[in-house]
C-alpha atoms as a PDB file:
ATOM      1  CA  MET A   1      -2.245 -72.696 -85.804  1.00  0.00           C
ATOM      2  CA  THR A   2      -4.797 -71.569 -83.250  1.00  0.00           C
ATOM      3  CA  SER A   3      -3.676 -68.785 -80.875  1.00  0.00           C
ATOM      4  CA  ALA A   4      -4.333 -69.015 -77.155  1.00  0.00           C
ATOM      5  CA  PRO A   5      -7.411 -67.135 -75.928  1.00  0.00           C
ATOM      6  CA  PRO A   6      -6.694 -63.815 -74.236  1.00  0.00           C
ATOM      7  CA  ALA A   7      -6.477 -63.781 -70.463  1.00  0.00           C
ATOM      8  CA  PRO A   8      -9.589 -62.618 -68.621  1.00  0.00           C
ATOM      9  CA  ALA A   9      -9.769 -58.864 -68.067  1.00  0.00           C
ATOM     10  CA  ALA A  10      -9.511 -59.288 -64.306  1.00  0.00           C
ATOM     11  CA  GLU A  11      -6.228 -61.191 -64.664  1.00  0.00           C
ATOM     12  CA  GLN A  12      -4.790 -58.670 -67.106  1.00  0.00           C
ATOM     13  CA  SER A  13      -5.477 -55.728 -64.764  1.00  0.00           C
ATOM     14  CA  SER A  14      -4.358 -57.445 -61.566  1.00  0.00           C
ATOM     15  CA  GLN A  15      -0.866 -58.447 -62.710  1.00  0.00           C
ATOM     16  CA  PRO A  16       0.506 -54.939 -63.360  1.00  0.00           C
ATOM     17  CA  GLU A  17      -1.015 -53.665 -60.116  1.00  0.00           C
ATOM     18  CA  GLN A  18       0.850 -56.349 -58.158  1.00  0.00           C
ATOM     19  CA  SER A  19       4.118 -55.633 -59.949  1.00  0.00           C
ATOM     20  CA  LEU A  20       3.915 -51.906 -59.138  1.00  0.00           C
ATOM     21  CA  ARG A  21       3.237 -52.262 -55.435  1.00  0.00           C
ATOM     22  CA  PRO A  22       6.823 -53.036 -54.333  1.00  0.00           C
ATOM     23  CA  GLU A  23       8.068 -49.941 -56.199  1.00  0.00           C
ATOM     24  CA  GLN A  24       5.557 -47.524 -54.659  1.00  0.00           C
ATOM     25  CA  SER A  25       6.957 -45.465 -51.770  1.00  0.00           C
ATOM     26  CA  PRO A  26       4.768 -44.270 -48.925  1.00  0.00           C
ATOM     27  CA  GLN A  27       3.606 -40.681 -49.105  1.00  0.00           C
ATOM     28  CA  SER A  28       6.225 -38.468 -47.493  1.00  0.00           C
ATOM     29  CA  GLU A  29       5.460 -36.702 -44.234  1.00  0.00           C
ATOM     30  CA  GLN A  30       5.534 -32.893 -44.364  1.00  0.00           C
ATOM     31  CA  TYR A  31       6.920 -30.658 -41.601  1.00  0.00           C
ATOM     32  CA  VAL A  32       7.597 -26.979 -40.918  1.00  0.00           C
ATOM     33  CA  LEU A  33      10.576 -25.681 -38.926  1.00  0.00           C
ATOM     34  CA  THR A  34      10.603 -22.045 -37.813  1.00  0.00           C
ATOM     35  CA  LEU A  35      13.414 -20.361 -35.929  1.00  0.00           C
ATOM     36  CA  SER A  36      14.875 -17.043 -34.838  1.00  0.00           C
ATOM     37  CA  CYS A  37      18.243 -16.395 -33.233  1.00  0.00           C
ATOM     38  CA  PRO A  38      21.192 -13.993 -33.141  1.00  0.00           C
ATOM     39  CA  ASP A  39      22.579 -13.751 -36.667  1.00  0.00           C
ATOM     40  CA  LYS A  40      25.930 -15.445 -37.254  1.00  0.00           C
ATOM     41  CA  GLN A  41      27.649 -17.587 -39.864  1.00  0.00           C
ATOM     42  CA  GLY A  42      26.692 -21.235 -40.202  1.00  0.00           C
ATOM     43  CA  ILE A  43      22.997 -21.218 -39.319  1.00  0.00           C
ATOM     44  CA  VAL A  44      21.683 -22.266 -42.739  1.00  0.00           C
ATOM     45  CA  HIS A  45      24.482 -24.832 -43.090  1.00  0.00           C
ATOM     46  CA  ALA A  46      23.683 -26.334 -39.687  1.00  0.00           C
ATOM     47  CA  VAL A  47      19.957 -26.590 -40.464  1.00  0.00           C
ATOM     48  CA  SER A  48      20.398 -28.037 -43.954  1.00  0.00           C
ATOM     49  CA  SER A  49      23.048 -30.498 -42.739  1.00  0.00           C
ATOM     50  CA  TYR A  50      20.765 -31.650 -39.944  1.00  0.00           C
ATOM     51  CA  LEU A  51      17.918 -32.281 -42.390  1.00  0.00           C
ATOM     52  CA  PHE A  52      20.253 -34.140 -44.751  1.00  0.00           C
ATOM     53  CA  MET A  53      21.649 -36.322 -41.962  1.00  0.00           C
ATOM     54  CA  THR A  54      18.151 -37.204 -40.749  1.00  0.00           C
ATOM     55  CA  GLY A  55      17.029 -38.264 -44.244  1.00  0.00           C
ATOM     56  CA  CYS A  56      14.803 -35.241 -44.824  1.00  0.00           C
ATOM     57  CA  ASN A  57      14.370 -33.193 -47.983  1.00  0.00           C
ATOM     58  CA  ILE A  58      13.919 -29.400 -48.092  1.00  0.00           C
ATOM     59  CA  GLU A  59      10.775 -28.483 -50.028  1.00  0.00           C
ATOM     60  CA  ASP A  60      10.951 -24.726 -49.457  1.00  0.00           C
ATOM     61  CA  SER A  61      13.209 -22.467 -47.407  1.00  0.00           C
ATOM     62  CA  GLN A  62      13.016 -18.762 -46.595  1.00  0.00           C
ATOM     63  CA  GLN A  63      15.281 -16.693 -44.397  1.00  0.00           C
ATOM     64  CA  PHE A  64      15.841 -13.094 -43.388  1.00  0.00           C
ATOM     65  CA  GLY A  65      18.626 -11.369 -41.504  1.00  0.00           C
ATOM     66  CA  ASP A  66      17.583  -8.118 -39.831  1.00  0.00           C
ATOM     67  CA  HIS A  67      20.528  -5.712 -39.704  1.00  0.00           C
ATOM     68  CA  ASP A  68      18.638  -3.446 -37.286  1.00  0.00           C
ATOM     69  CA  THR A  69      18.092  -6.076 -34.576  1.00  0.00           C
ATOM     70  CA  GLY A  70      20.925  -8.473 -35.434  1.00  0.00           C
ATOM     71  CA  LEU A  71      18.461 -11.360 -35.560  1.00  0.00           C
ATOM     72  CA  PHE A  72      18.104 -14.117 -38.132  1.00  0.00           C
ATOM     73  CA  PHE A  73      14.746 -15.674 -39.074  1.00  0.00           C
ATOM     74  CA  MET A  74      14.068 -18.861 -41.022  1.00  0.00           C
ATOM     75  CA  ARG A  75      11.144 -21.025 -42.128  1.00  0.00           C
ATOM     76  CA  VAL A  76      11.806 -24.420 -43.688  1.00  0.00           C
ATOM     77  CA  HIS A  77       9.175 -26.698 -45.171  1.00  0.00           C
ATOM     78  CA  PHE A  78      10.686 -30.196 -45.394  1.00  0.00           C
ATOM     79  CA  SER A  79       9.604 -33.766 -45.987  1.00  0.00           C
ATOM     80  CA  ALA A  80      10.658 -37.184 -44.724  1.00  0.00           C
ATOM     81  CA  ASP A  81      10.032 -40.373 -46.704  1.00  0.00           C
ATOM     82  CA  ALA A  82      10.710 -42.626 -43.714  1.00  0.00           C
ATOM     83  CA  PRO A  83       8.193 -42.365 -40.873  1.00  0.00           C
ATOM     84  CA  VAL A  84       9.497 -40.114 -38.086  1.00  0.00           C
ATOM     85  CA  SER A  85       7.661 -38.541 -35.174  1.00  0.00           C
ATOM     86  CA  VAL A  86       7.599 -34.825 -34.467  1.00  0.00           C
ATOM     87  CA  GLU A  87       8.859 -35.627 -30.978  1.00  0.00           C
ATOM     88  CA  LYS A  88      11.924 -37.388 -32.388  1.00  0.00           C
ATOM     89  CA  LEU A  89      12.665 -34.497 -34.745  1.00  0.00           C
ATOM     90  CA  ARG A  90      12.373 -32.017 -31.898  1.00  0.00           C
ATOM     91  CA  ALA A  91      14.622 -34.056 -29.649  1.00  0.00           C
ATOM     92  CA  SER A  92      17.333 -34.432 -32.279  1.00  0.00           C
ATOM     93  CA  PHE A  93      17.202 -30.753 -33.321  1.00  0.00           C
ATOM     94  CA  ALA A  94      17.500 -29.447 -29.762  1.00  0.00           C
ATOM     95  CA  ALA A  95      21.319 -29.499 -29.777  1.00  0.00           C
ATOM     96  CA  ILE A  96      21.418 -27.219 -32.834  1.00  0.00           C
ATOM     97  CA  GLY A  97      18.855 -24.923 -31.262  1.00  0.00           C
ATOM     98  CA  ASP A  98      20.971 -24.637 -28.126  1.00  0.00           C
ATOM     99  CA  ALA A  99      24.200 -24.075 -30.063  1.00  0.00           C
ATOM    100  CA  PHE A 100      22.767 -21.068 -31.902  1.00  0.00           C
ATOM    101  CA  ARG A 101      20.506 -19.826 -29.050  1.00  0.00           C
ATOM    102  CA  MET A 102      17.437 -20.337 -31.211  1.00  0.00           C
ATOM    103  CA  GLU A 103      13.773 -19.931 -30.477  1.00  0.00           C
ATOM    104  CA  TRP A 104      12.409 -22.690 -32.688  1.00  0.00           C
ATOM    105  CA  GLU A 105       9.439 -24.961 -33.355  1.00  0.00           C
ATOM    106  CA  ILE A 106       8.779 -28.027 -35.515  1.00  0.00           C
ATOM    107  CA  HIS A 107       5.236 -28.975 -36.523  1.00  0.00           C
ATOM    108  CA  ARG A 108       3.534 -31.235 -39.030  1.00  0.00           C
ATOM    109  CA  ALA A 109       2.638 -29.147 -42.075  1.00  0.00           C
ATOM    110  CA  GLU A 110      -0.844 -30.644 -42.369  1.00  0.00           C
ATOM    111  CA  GLU A 111      -1.658 -29.999 -38.711  1.00  0.00           C
ATOM    112  CA  ARG A 112      -4.711 -27.734 -38.423  1.00  0.00           C
ATOM    113  CA  MET A 113      -4.339 -25.083 -35.738  1.00  0.00           C
ATOM    114  CA  ARG A 114      -6.953 -25.071 -32.982  1.00  0.00           C
ATOM    115  CA  VAL A 115      -8.577 -21.632 -32.810  1.00  0.00           C
ATOM    116  CA  VAL A 116     -11.120 -19.719 -30.722  1.00  0.00           C
ATOM    117  CA  LEU A 117     -12.956 -16.809 -32.361  1.00  0.00           C
ATOM    118  CA  MET A 118     -14.266 -13.945 -30.217  1.00  0.00           C
ATOM    119  CA  VAL A 119     -16.963 -11.481 -31.288  1.00  0.00           C
ATOM    120  CA  SER A 120     -19.309  -8.856 -29.877  1.00  0.00           C
ATOM    121  CA  LYS A 121     -22.055  -7.268 -32.012  1.00  0.00           C
ATOM    122  CA  PHE A 122     -20.410  -6.873 -35.445  1.00  0.00           C
ATOM    123  CA  GLY A 123     -20.379 -10.270 -37.165  1.00  0.00           C
ATOM    124  CA  HIS A 124     -18.803  -9.708 -40.594  1.00  0.00           C
ATOM    125  CA  CYS A 125     -15.336 -10.966 -39.642  1.00  0.00           C
ATOM    126  CA  LEU A 126     -16.782 -13.890 -37.686  1.00  0.00           C
ATOM    127  CA  ASN A 127     -18.978 -14.949 -40.607  1.00  0.00           C
ATOM    128  CA  ASP A 128     -16.071 -14.647 -43.028  1.00  0.00           C
ATOM    129  CA  LEU A 129     -13.695 -16.725 -40.895  1.00  0.00           C
ATOM    130  CA  LEU A 130     -16.292 -19.426 -40.209  1.00  0.00           C
ATOM    131  CA  PHE A 131     -16.992 -19.769 -43.929  1.00  0.00           C
ATOM    132  CA  ARG A 132     -13.321 -19.894 -44.884  1.00  0.00           C
ATOM    133  CA  ALA A 133     -12.594 -22.484 -42.210  1.00  0.00           C
ATOM    134  CA  SER A 134     -15.556 -24.630 -43.294  1.00  0.00           C
ATOM    135  CA  THR A 135     -14.378 -24.664 -46.929  1.00  0.00           C
ATOM    136  CA  GLY A 136     -10.762 -25.442 -46.078  1.00  0.00           C
ATOM    137  CA  ALA A 137      -9.486 -22.013 -47.159  1.00  0.00           C
ATOM    138  CA  LEU A 138      -8.123 -21.567 -43.627  1.00  0.00           C
ATOM    139  CA  PRO A 139      -6.054 -24.424 -42.134  1.00  0.00           C
ATOM    140  CA  VAL A 140      -7.731 -24.143 -38.728  1.00  0.00           C
ATOM    141  CA  ASP A 141     -10.177 -25.999 -36.513  1.00  0.00           C
ATOM    142  CA  VAL A 142     -12.518 -23.512 -34.845  1.00  0.00           C
ATOM    143  CA  VAL A 143     -13.175 -25.200 -31.500  1.00  0.00           C
ATOM    144  CA  ALA A 144     -15.492 -22.485 -30.138  1.00  0.00           C
ATOM    145  CA  VAL A 145     -16.889 -19.001 -30.655  1.00  0.00           C
ATOM    146  CA  VAL A 146     -16.844 -16.831 -27.532  1.00  0.00           C
ATOM    147  CA  SER A 147     -18.929 -13.689 -27.154  1.00  0.00           C
ATOM    148  CA  ASN A 148     -20.034 -11.240 -24.496  1.00  0.00           C
ATOM    149  CA  HIS A 149     -23.407 -11.111 -26.303  1.00  0.00           C
ATOM    150  CA  GLN A 150     -25.671 -13.807 -27.757  1.00  0.00           C
ATOM    151  CA  ASP A 151     -26.320 -12.238 -31.159  1.00  0.00           C
ATOM    152  CA  PHE A 152     -24.345 -14.830 -33.152  1.00  0.00           C
ATOM    153  CA  ALA A 153     -25.259 -18.014 -31.325  1.00  0.00           C
ATOM    154  CA  GLU A 154     -27.471 -19.154 -34.220  1.00  0.00           C
ATOM    155  CA  LEU A 155     -24.857 -18.361 -36.863  1.00  0.00           C
ATOM    156  CA  THR A 156     -22.239 -20.310 -34.912  1.00  0.00           C
ATOM    157  CA  ALA A 157     -24.582 -23.269 -34.449  1.00  0.00           C
ATOM    158  CA  SER A 158     -25.185 -23.416 -38.208  1.00  0.00           C
ATOM    159  CA  TYR A 159     -21.513 -24.390 -38.582  1.00  0.00           C
ATOM    160  CA  GLY A 160     -21.761 -27.027 -35.857  1.00  0.00           C
ATOM    161  CA  ILE A 161     -19.402 -25.121 -33.560  1.00  0.00           C
ATOM    162  CA  PRO A 162     -19.939 -24.572 -29.812  1.00  0.00           C
ATOM    163  CA  PHE A 163     -20.998 -21.059 -28.824  1.00  0.00           C
ATOM    164  CA  VAL A 164     -19.790 -19.878 -25.402  1.00  0.00           C
ATOM    165  CA  HIS A 165     -21.478 -16.845 -23.887  1.00  0.00           C
ATOM    166  CA  ILE A 166     -19.203 -15.072 -21.387  1.00  0.00           C
ATOM    167  CA  PRO A 167     -20.824 -11.805 -20.235  1.00  0.00           C
ATOM    168  CA  VAL A 168     -18.381  -9.074 -19.229  1.00  0.00           C
ATOM    169  CA  THR A 169     -18.901  -6.205 -16.812  1.00  0.00           C
ATOM    170  CA  ARG A 170     -16.386  -4.083 -14.961  1.00  0.00           C
ATOM    171  CA  ASP A 171     -16.903  -6.265 -11.871  1.00  0.00           C
ATOM    172  CA  THR A 172     -16.739  -9.624 -13.708  1.00  0.00           C
ATOM    173  CA  LYS A 173     -13.932  -8.884 -16.187  1.00  0.00           C
ATOM    174  CA  ALA A 174     -11.248 -10.846 -14.335  1.00  0.00           C
ATOM    175  CA  ALA A 175     -13.520 -13.868 -13.893  1.00  0.00           C
ATOM    176  CA  ALA A 176     -14.560 -13.705 -17.561  1.00  0.00           C
ATOM    177  CA  GLU A 177     -10.934 -13.725 -18.712  1.00  0.00           C
ATOM    178  CA  GLU A 178     -10.158 -16.642 -16.415  1.00  0.00           C
ATOM    179  CA  GLU A 179     -13.083 -18.547 -17.967  1.00  0.00           C
ATOM    180  CA  LEU A 180     -11.642 -17.838 -21.410  1.00  0.00           C
ATOM    181  CA  LEU A 181      -8.199 -19.074 -20.336  1.00  0.00           C
ATOM    182  CA  GLU A 182      -9.738 -22.260 -18.942  1.00  0.00           C
ATOM    183  CA  LEU A 183     -11.368 -22.858 -22.343  1.00  0.00           C
ATOM    184  CA  VAL A 184      -8.024 -22.242 -24.056  1.00  0.00           C
ATOM    185  CA  ARG A 185      -6.341 -24.793 -21.788  1.00  0.00           C
ATOM    186  CA  ALA A 186      -9.089 -27.396 -21.995  1.00  0.00           C
ATOM    187  CA  GLU A 187      -9.361 -27.250 -25.798  1.00  0.00           C
ATOM    188  CA  ARG A 188      -5.579 -26.952 -26.416  1.00  0.00           C
ATOM    189  CA  VAL A 189      -6.162 -23.681 -28.286  1.00  0.00           C
ATOM    190  CA  GLU A 190      -3.150 -22.260 -30.124  1.00  0.00           C
ATOM    191  CA  LEU A 191      -4.682 -19.007 -31.367  1.00  0.00           C
ATOM    192  CA  VAL A 192      -7.382 -16.601 -30.158  1.00  0.00           C
ATOM    193  CA  VAL A 193      -8.831 -14.276 -32.808  1.00  0.00           C
ATOM    194  CA  LEU A 194     -10.643 -11.084 -31.846  1.00  0.00           C
ATOM    195  CA  ALA A 195     -13.079 -10.931 -34.762  1.00  0.00           C
ATOM    196  CA  ARG A 196     -14.458  -7.527 -33.768  1.00  0.00           C
ATOM    197  CA  TYR A 197     -14.530  -8.355 -30.060  1.00  0.00           C
ATOM    198  CA  MET A 198     -15.084  -4.956 -28.463  1.00  0.00           C
ATOM    199  CA  GLN A 199     -13.788  -5.548 -24.945  1.00  0.00           C
ATOM    200  CA  VAL A 200     -10.362  -4.258 -23.923  1.00  0.00           C
ATOM    201  CA  ILE A 201      -8.067  -7.167 -23.050  1.00  0.00           C
ATOM    202  CA  SER A 202      -6.264  -6.864 -19.708  1.00  0.00           C
ATOM    203  CA  ASP A 203      -2.482  -6.588 -19.515  1.00  0.00           C
ATOM    204  CA  ASP A 204      -2.356  -9.933 -17.700  1.00  0.00           C
ATOM    205  CA  LEU A 205      -4.277 -11.751 -20.433  1.00  0.00           C
ATOM    206  CA  CYS A 206      -2.088 -10.124 -23.114  1.00  0.00           C
ATOM    207  CA  LYS A 207       1.007 -11.498 -21.408  1.00  0.00           C
ATOM    208  CA  ARG A 208      -0.438 -14.978 -20.949  1.00  0.00           C
ATOM    209  CA  LEU A 209      -1.467 -15.172 -24.607  1.00  0.00           C
ATOM    210  CA  ASN A 210       1.565 -13.339 -25.986  1.00  0.00           C
ATOM    211  CA  GLY A 211       1.978 -14.060 -29.699  1.00  0.00           C
ATOM    212  CA  ARG A 212      -1.226 -16.131 -29.689  1.00  0.00           C
ATOM    213  CA  ILE A 213      -3.956 -13.499 -29.959  1.00  0.00           C
ATOM    214  CA  ILE A 214      -4.761 -11.459 -33.089  1.00  0.00           C
ATOM    215  CA  ASN A 215      -6.998  -8.400 -33.407  1.00  0.00           C
ATOM    216  CA  ILE A 216      -8.422  -6.396 -36.318  1.00  0.00           C
ATOM    217  CA  HIS A 217      -9.311  -2.718 -36.358  1.00  0.00           C
ATOM    218  CA  HIS A 218      -9.896   0.061 -38.861  1.00  0.00           C
ATOM    219  CA  SER A 219      -6.742   1.990 -39.684  1.00  0.00           C
ATOM    220  CA  PHE A 220      -8.179   5.436 -38.943  1.00  0.00           C
ATOM    221  CA  LEU A 221      -6.592   5.276 -35.513  1.00  0.00           C
ATOM    222  CA  PRO A 222      -5.431   7.431 -33.870  1.00  0.00           C
ATOM    223  CA  SER A 223      -7.110  10.126 -36.003  1.00  0.00           C
ATOM    224  CA  PHE A 224     -10.751   9.066 -35.592  1.00  0.00           C
ATOM    225  CA  LYS A 225     -11.451   7.543 -32.192  1.00  0.00           C
ATOM    226  CA  GLY A 226     -14.696   6.664 -30.484  1.00  0.00           C
ATOM    227  CA  ALA A 227     -18.127   6.192 -32.044  1.00  0.00           C
ATOM    228  CA  LYS A 228     -18.784   6.137 -35.796  1.00  0.00           C
ATOM    229  CA  PRO A 229     -15.198   6.462 -37.055  1.00  0.00           C
ATOM    230  CA  TYR A 230     -16.315   6.029 -40.682  1.00  0.00           C
ATOM    231  CA  HIS A 231     -18.712   8.916 -40.355  1.00  0.00           C
ATOM    232  CA  GLN A 232     -15.903  11.008 -38.874  1.00  0.00           C
ATOM    233  CA  ALA A 233     -13.670  10.012 -41.780  1.00  0.00           C
ATOM    234  CA  HIS A 234     -16.376  10.920 -44.302  1.00  0.00           C
ATOM    235  CA  ALA A 235     -16.753  14.339 -42.744  1.00  0.00           C
ATOM    236  CA  ARG A 236     -13.010  14.895 -43.231  1.00  0.00           C
ATOM    237  CA  GLY A 237     -13.054  13.674 -46.856  1.00  0.00           C
ATOM    238  CA  VAL A 238     -10.820  10.657 -46.297  1.00  0.00           C
ATOM    239  CA  LYS A 239      -9.784   8.981 -49.561  1.00  0.00           C
ATOM    240  CA  LEU A 240      -8.368   5.713 -48.204  1.00  0.00           C
ATOM    241  CA  ILE A 241     -10.196   3.078 -46.155  1.00  0.00           C
ATOM    242  CA  GLY A 242      -7.931   0.623 -44.379  1.00  0.00           C
ATOM    243  CA  ALA A 243      -7.720  -2.151 -41.803  1.00  0.00           C
ATOM    244  CA  THR A 244      -4.881  -3.485 -39.671  1.00  0.00           C
ATOM    245  CA  ALA A 245      -4.465  -7.009 -38.274  1.00  0.00           C
ATOM    246  CA  HIS A 246      -1.972  -7.239 -35.434  1.00  0.00           C
ATOM    247  CA  TYR A 247      -0.959  -9.212 -32.382  1.00  0.00           C
ATOM    248  CA  VAL A 248      -2.543  -7.981 -29.166  1.00  0.00           C
ATOM    249  CA  THR A 249      -0.312  -6.368 -26.551  1.00  0.00           C
ATOM    250  CA  ALA A 250      -0.871  -4.250 -23.470  1.00  0.00           C
ATOM    251  CA  GLU A 251      -0.557  -1.159 -25.676  1.00  0.00           C
ATOM    252  CA  LEU A 252      -4.076  -0.814 -27.106  1.00  0.00           C
ATOM    253  CA  ASP A 253      -4.141  -1.353 -30.898  1.00  0.00           C
ATOM    254  CA  GLU A 254      -0.358  -0.950 -31.102  1.00  0.00           C
ATOM    255  CA  GLY A 255       0.828  -4.565 -31.224  1.00  0.00           C
ATOM    256  CA  PRO A 256       3.131  -5.958 -33.947  1.00  0.00           C
ATOM    257  CA  ILE A 257       1.411  -5.516 -37.321  1.00  0.00           C
ATOM    258  CA  ILE A 258       0.809  -8.665 -39.379  1.00  0.00           C
ATOM    259  CA  GLU A 259      -1.183  -7.413 -42.361  1.00  0.00           C
ATOM    260  CA  GLN A 260      -2.915  -4.301 -43.653  1.00  0.00           C
ATOM    261  CA  GLU A 261      -5.467  -3.794 -46.414  1.00  0.00           C
ATOM    262  CA  VAL A 262      -6.547  -0.568 -48.074  1.00  0.00           C
ATOM    263  CA  GLU A 263      -9.236   0.579 -50.520  1.00  0.00           C
ATOM    264  CA  ARG A 264      -9.344   3.945 -52.317  1.00  0.00           C
ATOM    265  CA  VAL A 265     -12.654   5.822 -52.206  1.00  0.00           C
ATOM    266  CA  GLY A 266     -13.984   8.949 -53.908  1.00  0.00           C
ATOM    267  CA  HIS A 267     -15.975  11.984 -52.874  1.00  0.00           C
ATOM    268  CA  GLN A 268     -19.253  10.396 -53.971  1.00  0.00           C
ATOM    269  CA  VAL A 269     -19.108   7.569 -51.404  1.00  0.00           C
ATOM    270  CA  THR A 270     -21.613   7.852 -48.542  1.00  0.00           C
ATOM    271  CA  PRO A 271     -20.818   7.124 -44.885  1.00  0.00           C
ATOM    272  CA  GLU A 272     -22.845   3.898 -45.149  1.00  0.00           C
ATOM    273  CA  GLN A 273     -20.813   2.810 -48.173  1.00  0.00           C
ATOM    274  CA  LEU A 274     -17.612   3.597 -46.287  1.00  0.00           C
ATOM    275  CA  VAL A 275     -18.779   1.284 -43.514  1.00  0.00           C
ATOM    276  CA  ALA A 276     -19.454  -1.517 -46.033  1.00  0.00           C
ATOM    277  CA  ILE A 277     -16.053  -1.068 -47.680  1.00  0.00           C
ATOM    278  CA  GLY A 278     -14.421  -1.022 -44.258  1.00  0.00           C
ATOM    279  CA  ARG A 279     -16.042  -4.330 -43.352  1.00  0.00           C
ATOM    280  CA  ASP A 280     -14.681  -5.926 -46.521  1.00  0.00           C
ATOM    281  CA  VAL A 281     -11.110  -4.788 -45.951  1.00  0.00           C
ATOM    282  CA  GLU A 282     -11.277  -5.865 -42.301  1.00  0.00           C
ATOM    283  CA  CYS A 283     -12.334  -9.363 -43.382  1.00  0.00           C
ATOM    284  CA  GLN A 284      -9.543  -9.609 -45.952  1.00  0.00           C
ATOM    285  CA  ALA A 285      -6.772  -8.410 -43.665  1.00  0.00           C
ATOM    286  CA  LEU A 286      -7.855 -10.587 -40.738  1.00  0.00           C
ATOM    287  CA  ALA A 287      -8.288 -13.725 -42.864  1.00  0.00           C
ATOM    288  CA  ARG A 288      -4.782 -13.376 -44.292  1.00  0.00           C
ATOM    289  CA  ALA A 289      -3.312 -12.805 -40.826  1.00  0.00           C
ATOM    290  CA  VAL A 290      -5.029 -15.907 -39.431  1.00  0.00           C
ATOM    291  CA  LYS A 291      -3.959 -18.004 -42.431  1.00  0.00           C
ATOM    292  CA  TRP A 292      -0.331 -16.935 -42.197  1.00  0.00           C
ATOM    293  CA  HIS A 293      -0.247 -17.548 -38.452  1.00  0.00           C
ATOM    294  CA  ALA A 294      -1.831 -20.986 -38.866  1.00  0.00           C
ATOM    295  CA  GLU A 295       0.725 -21.861 -41.540  1.00  0.00           C
ATOM    296  CA  ARG A 296       3.466 -20.696 -39.162  1.00  0.00           C
ATOM    297  CA  ARG A 297       4.709 -18.000 -41.529  1.00  0.00           C
ATOM    298  CA  ILE A 298       4.941 -15.214 -38.926  1.00  0.00           C
ATOM    299  CA  LEU A 299       7.841 -14.675 -36.555  1.00  0.00           C
ATOM    300  CA  LEU A 300       7.903 -11.917 -33.954  1.00  0.00           C
ATOM    301  CA  ASN A 301      10.730  -9.404 -34.313  1.00  0.00           C
ATOM    302  CA  GLY A 302      10.369  -7.091 -31.333  1.00  0.00           C
ATOM    303  CA  HIS A 303       7.579  -4.637 -32.142  1.00  0.00           C
ATOM    304  CA  ARG A 304       7.475  -5.872 -35.740  1.00  0.00           C
ATOM    305  CA  THR A 305       6.851  -9.142 -37.532  1.00  0.00           C
ATOM    306  CA  VAL A 306       8.645 -11.150 -40.181  1.00  0.00           C
ATOM    307  CA  VAL A 307       6.069 -12.663 -42.550  1.00  0.00           C
ATOM    308  CA  PHE A 308       7.287 -15.330 -44.979  1.00  0.00           C
ATOM    309  CA  GLY A 309       5.058 -15.556 -48.071  1.00  0.00           C
END
């Protein structure tokens, strides 16, 4: 008895593909909910019940109740298999937000935050952030680099990013800040990063960008102020080099701290080596702060922050 010839390879491969298609579910949409409110019973139950009733699944949830302030903080990463718009989720969650007096936001998890970087004459943090953003290590879209000098126009151009030169003098400071705010509005910017931008931000601008502007500085303050702080630290035999990333407020360099980095040094380290070490720790602390903010892991808690890892 002669057996039937085998089916052509194309037919053999196409049949199982067709049979699998009806069983394949669309890739689930990912979202992040963040909230803060007065602490009371039932918050977690209300949030989880809402997500269950709307056909969503909790991927990760973190919460913290602060006994000092009486506030409750929560970050929930959740998914939805059925297509649903962020606008619909926000509209349906509003009643829960009102019931618990929440400050809350819902965003798509894959949404890249639109960011402006600001710099003066020290470019190490700028270069680090541009590289991380270009490789996908930071979930941000850098829409522009703003500077009161033109030193880093070429570096910025090498990444294909617009460079905006806004000179600042005592007489033009208000106009310069208004130009920055116009850029923020026009480009729908969610975060401004002072990557060693050496101009003092006005109280008015701090208020208008409250919770949306991050700065980095060496952590010698207030001990070593003014010019050459690393040289001052070397002269005093400092053994720890540090950097602090924080939100900008009207109180100079005293906004809510997001992240700090530190490096131990010995007596043999020169002032120039201290400067190099300081640049590294500044880059690390600022990059982590920007990443956490872009991933919506930071919630303001008065003069402090809650940072969910």
